[in-house]
Amino acid sequence: MNTPTRLRIATLGTLPTLLVALLALLPLTATGLTPWPVLPAVVLSLAVQVAITHLRLCRRR
């Protein structure tokens, strides 16, 4: 499996989580029930998840 395929798999694996998190957190944040720094933290944690998934896929050659 080549690198672009591994990156695609890692990214597409986190998209459902990102969409649900944004759809759930955006209204909560807009109404003041959740602090604004939560949104960037969710995006950052999903970026870390993509990186870890990509690294794990690289090891399974």
PDB file of N, CA and C in Angstrom:
ATOM      1  N   MET A   1       0.850  -1.165   0.000  1.00  0.00           N
ATOM      2  CA  MET A   1       0.000   0.000   0.000  1.00  0.00           C
ATOM      3  C   MET A   1       0.905   1.240   0.000  1.00  0.00           C
ATOM      4  N   ASN A   2       0.625   2.181  -0.884  1.00  0.00           N
ATOM      5  CA  ASN A   2       1.478   3.358  -0.977  1.00  0.00           C
ATOM      6  C   ASN A   2       1.032   4.447   0.009  1.00  0.00           C
ATOM      7  N   THR A   3       1.840   5.484   0.119  1.00  0.00           N
ATOM      8  CA  THR A   3       1.606   6.524   1.115  1.00  0.00           C
ATOM      9  C   THR A   3       0.294   7.282   0.913  1.00  0.00           C
ATOM     10  N   PRO A   4      -0.049   7.703  -0.310  1.00  0.00           N
ATOM     11  CA  PRO A   4      -1.328   8.414  -0.450  1.00  0.00           C
ATOM     12  C   PRO A   4      -2.538   7.566  -0.032  1.00  0.00           C
ATOM     13  N   THR A   5      -2.481   6.284  -0.283  1.00  0.00           N
ATOM     14  CA  THR A   5      -3.578   5.410   0.122  1.00  0.00           C
ATOM     15  C   THR A   5      -3.662   5.324   1.637  1.00  0.00           C
ATOM     16  N   ARG A   6      -2.536   5.211   2.301  1.00  0.00           N
ATOM     17  CA  ARG A   6      -2.527   5.166   3.762  1.00  0.00           C
ATOM     18  C   ARG A   6      -3.059   6.464   4.363  1.00  0.00           C
ATOM     19  N   LEU A   7      -2.663   7.600   3.783  1.00  0.00           N
ATOM     20  CA  LEU A   7      -3.165   8.881   4.271  1.00  0.00           C
ATOM     21  C   LEU A   7      -4.671   9.008   4.048  1.00  0.00           C
ATOM     22  N   ARG A   8      -5.142   8.535   2.923  1.00  0.00           N
ATOM     23  CA  ARG A   8      -6.570   8.590   2.620  1.00  0.00           C
ATOM     24  C   ARG A   8      -7.364   7.744   3.620  1.00  0.00           C
ATOM     25  N   ILE A   9      -6.876   6.553   3.898  1.00  0.00           N
ATOM     26  CA  ILE A   9      -7.554   5.677   4.859  1.00  0.00           C
ATOM     27  C   ILE A   9      -7.569   6.319   6.249  1.00  0.00           C
ATOM     28  N   ALA A  10      -6.440   6.874   6.663  1.00  0.00           N
ATOM     29  CA  ALA A  10      -6.356   7.490   7.988  1.00  0.00           C
ATOM     30  C   ALA A  10      -7.276   8.697   8.091  1.00  0.00           C
ATOM     31  N   THR A  11      -7.344   9.510   7.039  1.00  0.00           N
ATOM     32  CA  THR A  11      -8.189  10.702   7.063  1.00  0.00           C
ATOM     33  C   THR A  11      -9.664  10.346   7.012  1.00  0.00           C
ATOM     34  N   LEU A  12     -10.026   9.431   6.123  1.00  0.00           N
ATOM     35  CA  LEU A  12     -11.427   9.058   5.996  1.00  0.00           C
ATOM     36  C   LEU A  12     -11.944   8.336   7.242  1.00  0.00           C
ATOM     37  N   GLY A  13     -11.046   7.727   8.000  1.00  0.00           N
ATOM     38  CA  GLY A  13     -11.456   7.066   9.231  1.00  0.00           C
ATOM     39  C   GLY A  13     -11.868   8.038  10.322  1.00  0.00           C
ATOM     40  N   THR A  14     -11.384   9.278  10.257  1.00  0.00           N
ATOM     41  CA  THR A  14     -11.727  10.257  11.288  1.00  0.00           C
ATOM     42  C   THR A  14     -12.812  11.238  10.850  1.00  0.00           C
ATOM     43  N   LEU A  15     -13.160  11.251   9.583  1.00  0.00           N
ATOM     44  CA  LEU A  15     -14.180  12.197   9.114  1.00  0.00           C
ATOM     45  C   LEU A  15     -15.537  12.023   9.802  1.00  0.00           C
ATOM     46  N   PRO A  16     -16.040  10.807   9.990  1.00  0.00           N
ATOM     47  CA  PRO A  16     -17.323  10.699  10.697  1.00  0.00           C
ATOM     48  C   PRO A  16     -17.270  11.269  12.111  1.00  0.00           C
ATOM     49  N   THR A  17     -16.182  11.043  12.804  1.00  0.00           N
ATOM     50  CA  THR A  17     -16.031  11.586  14.155  1.00  0.00           C
ATOM     51  C   THR A  17     -15.984  13.103  14.122  1.00  0.00           C
ATOM     52  N   LEU A  18     -15.262  13.648  13.163  1.00  0.00           N
ATOM     53  CA  LEU A  18     -15.163  15.100  13.041  1.00  0.00           C
ATOM     54  C   LEU A  18     -16.521  15.719  12.740  1.00  0.00           C
ATOM     55  N   LEU A  19     -17.260  15.139  11.828  1.00  0.00           N
ATOM     56  CA  LEU A  19     -18.566  15.689  11.473  1.00  0.00           C
ATOM     57  C   LEU A  19     -19.533  15.654  12.652  1.00  0.00           C
ATOM     58  N   VAL A  20     -19.582  14.542  13.354  1.00  0.00           N
ATOM     59  CA  VAL A  20     -20.484  14.432  14.506  1.00  0.00           C
ATOM     60  C   VAL A  20     -20.058  15.397  15.605  1.00  0.00           C
ATOM     61  N   ALA A  21     -18.769  15.488  15.845  1.00  0.00           N
ATOM     62  CA  ALA A  21     -18.290  16.390  16.900  1.00  0.00           C
ATOM     63  C   ALA A  21     -18.611  17.837  16.557  1.00  0.00           C
ATOM     64  N   LEU A  22     -18.402  18.224  15.314  1.00  0.00           N
ATOM     65  CA  LEU A  22     -18.698  19.604  14.946  1.00  0.00           C
ATOM     66  C   LEU A  22     -20.187  19.895  14.990  1.00  0.00           C
ATOM     67  N   LEU A  23     -20.998  18.960  14.511  1.00  0.00           N
ATOM     68  CA  LEU A  23     -22.442  19.169  14.549  1.00  0.00           C
ATOM     69  C   LEU A  23     -22.984  19.219  15.978  1.00  0.00           C
ATOM     70  N   ALA A  24     -22.367  18.499  16.878  1.00  0.00           N
ATOM     71  CA  ALA A  24     -22.819  18.496  18.270  1.00  0.00           C
ATOM     72  C   ALA A  24     -22.258  19.681  19.050  1.00  0.00           C
ATOM     73  N   LEU A  25     -20.990  20.016  18.818  1.00  0.00           N
ATOM     74  CA  LEU A  25     -20.351  21.046  19.626  1.00  0.00           C
ATOM     75  C   LEU A  25     -20.629  22.464  19.157  1.00  0.00           C
ATOM     76  N   LEU A  26     -20.845  22.668  17.869  1.00  0.00           N
ATOM     77  CA  LEU A  26     -21.046  24.029  17.379  1.00  0.00           C
ATOM     78  C   LEU A  26     -22.279  24.700  17.991  1.00  0.00           C
ATOM     79  N   PRO A  27     -23.438  24.045  18.017  1.00  0.00           N
ATOM     80  CA  PRO A  27     -24.586  24.700  18.683  1.00  0.00           C
ATOM     81  C   PRO A  27     -24.367  24.893  20.187  1.00  0.00           C
ATOM     82  N   LEU A  28     -23.722  23.914  20.816  1.00  0.00           N
ATOM     83  CA  LEU A  28     -23.461  24.041  22.253  1.00  0.00           C
ATOM     84  C   LEU A  28     -22.522  25.211  22.538  1.00  0.00           C
ATOM     85  N   THR A  29     -21.540  25.385  21.680  1.00  0.00           N
ATOM     86  CA  THR A  29     -20.594  26.476  21.863  1.00  0.00           C
ATOM     87  C   THR A  29     -21.248  27.818  21.555  1.00  0.00           C
ATOM     88  N   ALA A  30     -22.077  27.842  20.526  1.00  0.00           N
ATOM     89  CA  ALA A  30     -22.741  29.095  20.155  1.00  0.00           C
ATOM     90  C   ALA A  30     -23.697  29.572  21.249  1.00  0.00           C
ATOM     91  N   THR A  31     -24.300  28.647  21.962  1.00  0.00           N
ATOM     92  CA  THR A  31     -25.220  29.034  23.035  1.00  0.00           C
ATOM     93  C   THR A  31     -24.512  29.257  24.368  1.00  0.00           C
ATOM     94  N   GLY A  32     -23.235  28.989  24.437  1.00  0.00           N
ATOM     95  CA  GLY A  32     -22.473  29.239  25.647  1.00  0.00           C
ATOM     96  C   GLY A  32     -22.418  28.079  26.610  1.00  0.00           C
ATOM     97  N   LEU A  33     -22.895  26.915  26.194  1.00  0.00           N
ATOM     98  CA  LEU A  33     -22.876  25.748  27.088  1.00  0.00           C
ATOM     99  C   LEU A  33     -21.514  25.049  27.113  1.00  0.00           C
ATOM    100  N   THR A  34     -20.707  25.320  26.109  1.00  0.00           N
ATOM    101  CA  THR A  34     -19.368  24.729  26.013  1.00  0.00           C
ATOM    102  C   THR A  34     -18.385  25.863  25.706  1.00  0.00           C
ATOM    103  N   PRO A  35     -17.214  25.892  26.319  1.00  0.00           N
ATOM    104  CA  PRO A  35     -16.261  26.956  26.012  1.00  0.00           C
ATOM    105  C   PRO A  35     -15.715  26.835  24.586  1.00  0.00           C
ATOM    106  N   TRP A  36     -15.356  27.977  24.005  1.00  0.00           N
ATOM    107  CA  TRP A  36     -14.854  27.989  22.626  1.00  0.00           C
ATOM    108  C   TRP A  36     -13.574  27.188  22.426  1.00  0.00           C
ATOM    109  N   PRO A  37     -12.653  27.090  23.363  1.00  0.00           N
ATOM    110  CA  PRO A  37     -11.429  26.307  23.119  1.00  0.00           C
ATOM    111  C   PRO A  37     -11.668  24.811  22.904  1.00  0.00           C
ATOM    112  N   VAL A  38     -12.864  24.330  23.153  1.00  0.00           N
ATOM    113  CA  VAL A  38     -13.140  22.904  22.952  1.00  0.00           C
ATOM    114  C   VAL A  38     -13.091  22.542  21.468  1.00  0.00           C
ATOM    115  N   LEU A  39     -13.599  23.411  20.596  1.00  0.00           N
ATOM    116  CA  LEU A  39     -13.616  23.108  19.160  1.00  0.00           C
ATOM    117  C   LEU A  39     -12.212  22.902  18.588  1.00  0.00           C
ATOM    118  N   PRO A  40     -11.253  23.818  18.810  1.00  0.00           N
ATOM    119  CA  PRO A  40      -9.906  23.546  18.299  1.00  0.00           C
ATOM    120  C   PRO A  40      -9.259  22.320  18.936  1.00  0.00           C
ATOM    121  N   ALA A  41      -9.603  22.036  20.186  1.00  0.00           N
ATOM    122  CA  ALA A  41      -9.038  20.858  20.849  1.00  0.00           C
ATOM    123  C   ALA A  41      -9.531  19.578  20.179  1.00  0.00           C
ATOM    124  N   VAL A  42     -10.796  19.558  19.769  1.00  0.00           N
ATOM    125  CA  VAL A  42     -11.336  18.380  19.080  1.00  0.00           C
ATOM    126  C   VAL A  42     -10.642  18.195  17.740  1.00  0.00           C
ATOM    127  N   VAL A  43     -10.475  19.281  17.000  1.00  0.00           N
ATOM    128  CA  VAL A  43      -9.805  19.191  15.694  1.00  0.00           C
ATOM    129  C   VAL A  43      -8.357  18.746  15.875  1.00  0.00           C
ATOM    130  N   LEU A  44      -7.673  19.272  16.874  1.00  0.00           N
ATOM    131  CA  LEU A  44      -6.288  18.884  17.131  1.00  0.00           C
ATOM    132  C   LEU A  44      -6.192  17.410  17.525  1.00  0.00           C
ATOM    133  N   SER A  45      -7.095  16.942  18.361  1.00  0.00           N
ATOM    134  CA  SER A  45      -7.040  15.535  18.775  1.00  0.00           C
ATOM    135  C   SER A  45      -7.319  14.606  17.592  1.00  0.00           C
ATOM    136  N   LEU A  46      -8.190  15.020  16.681  1.00  0.00           N
ATOM    137  CA  LEU A  46      -8.439  14.194  15.496  1.00  0.00           C
ATOM    138  C   LEU A  46      -7.245  14.208  14.546  1.00  0.00           C
ATOM    139  N   ALA A  47      -6.525  15.323  14.486  1.00  0.00           N
ATOM    140  CA  ALA A  47      -5.301  15.359  13.673  1.00  0.00           C
ATOM    141  C   ALA A  47      -4.253  14.409  14.244  1.00  0.00           C
ATOM    142  N   VAL A  48      -4.166  14.348  15.560  1.00  0.00           N
ATOM    143  CA  VAL A  48      -3.241  13.403  16.197  1.00  0.00           C
ATOM    144  C   VAL A  48      -3.687  11.970  15.906  1.00  0.00           C
ATOM    145  N   GLN A  49      -4.984  11.738  15.915  1.00  0.00           N
ATOM    146  CA  GLN A  49      -5.493  10.398  15.597  1.00  0.00           C
ATOM    147  C   GLN A  49      -5.151   9.996  14.171  1.00  0.00           C
ATOM    148  N   VAL A  50      -5.249  10.934  13.229  1.00  0.00           N
ATOM    149  CA  VAL A  50      -4.871  10.654  11.838  1.00  0.00           C
ATOM    150  C   VAL A  50      -3.393  10.298  11.756  1.00  0.00           C
ATOM    151  N   ALA A  51      -2.560  11.053  12.457  1.00  0.00           N
ATOM    152  CA  ALA A  51      -1.119  10.783  12.426  1.00  0.00           C
ATOM    153  C   ALA A  51      -0.796   9.411  13.008  1.00  0.00           C
ATOM    154  N   ILE A  52      -1.429   9.059  14.113  1.00  0.00           N
ATOM    155  CA  ILE A  52      -1.170   7.757  14.732  1.00  0.00           C
ATOM    156  C   ILE A  52      -1.664   6.628  13.827  1.00  0.00           C
ATOM    157  N   THR A  53      -2.832   6.796  13.229  1.00  0.00           N
ATOM    158  CA  THR A  53      -3.351   5.771  12.322  1.00  0.00           C
ATOM    159  C   THR A  53      -2.434   5.594  11.124  1.00  0.00           C
ATOM    160  N   HIS A  54      -1.943   6.698  10.585  1.00  0.00           N
ATOM    161  CA  HIS A  54      -1.012   6.616   9.448  1.00  0.00           C
ATOM    162  C   HIS A  54       0.269   5.894   9.848  1.00  0.00           C
ATOM    163  N   LEU A  55       0.800   6.194  11.006  1.00  0.00           N
ATOM    164  CA  LEU A  55       2.017   5.513  11.469  1.00  0.00           C
ATOM    165  C   LEU A  55       1.777   4.019  11.679  1.00  0.00           C
ATOM    166  N   ARG A  56       0.611   3.667  12.204  1.00  0.00           N
ATOM    167  CA  ARG A  56       0.310   2.247  12.409  1.00  0.00           C
ATOM    168  C   ARG A  56       0.146   1.518  11.084  1.00  0.00           C
ATOM    169  N   LEU A  57      -0.410   2.196  10.088  1.00  0.00           N
ATOM    170  CA  LEU A  57      -0.546   1.572   8.775  1.00  0.00           C
ATOM    171  C   LEU A  57       0.817   1.412   8.100  1.00  0.00           C
ATOM    172  N   CYS A  58       1.734   2.309   8.379  1.00  0.00           N
ATOM    173  CA  CYS A  58       3.087   2.200   7.796  1.00  0.00           C
ATOM    174  C   CYS A  58       3.818   0.985   8.342  1.00  0.00           C
ATOM    175  N   ARG A  59       3.578   0.643   9.582  1.00  0.00           N
ATOM    176  CA  ARG A  59       4.286  -0.479  10.204  1.00  0.00           C
ATOM    177  C   ARG A  59       3.789  -1.828   9.705  1.00  0.00           C
ATOM    178  N   ARG A  60       2.605  -1.877   9.107  1.00  0.00           N
ATOM    179  CA  ARG A  60       2.008  -3.150   8.686  1.00  0.00           C
ATOM    180  C   ARG A  60       2.377  -3.528   7.259  1.00  0.00           C
ATOM    181  N   ARG A  61       3.430  -3.005   6.736  1.00  0.00           N
ATOM    182  CA  ARG A  61       3.816  -3.310   5.349  1.00  0.00           C
ATOM    183  C   ARG A  61       4.027  -4.766   5.130  1.00  0.00           C
TER     184      ARG A  61
END
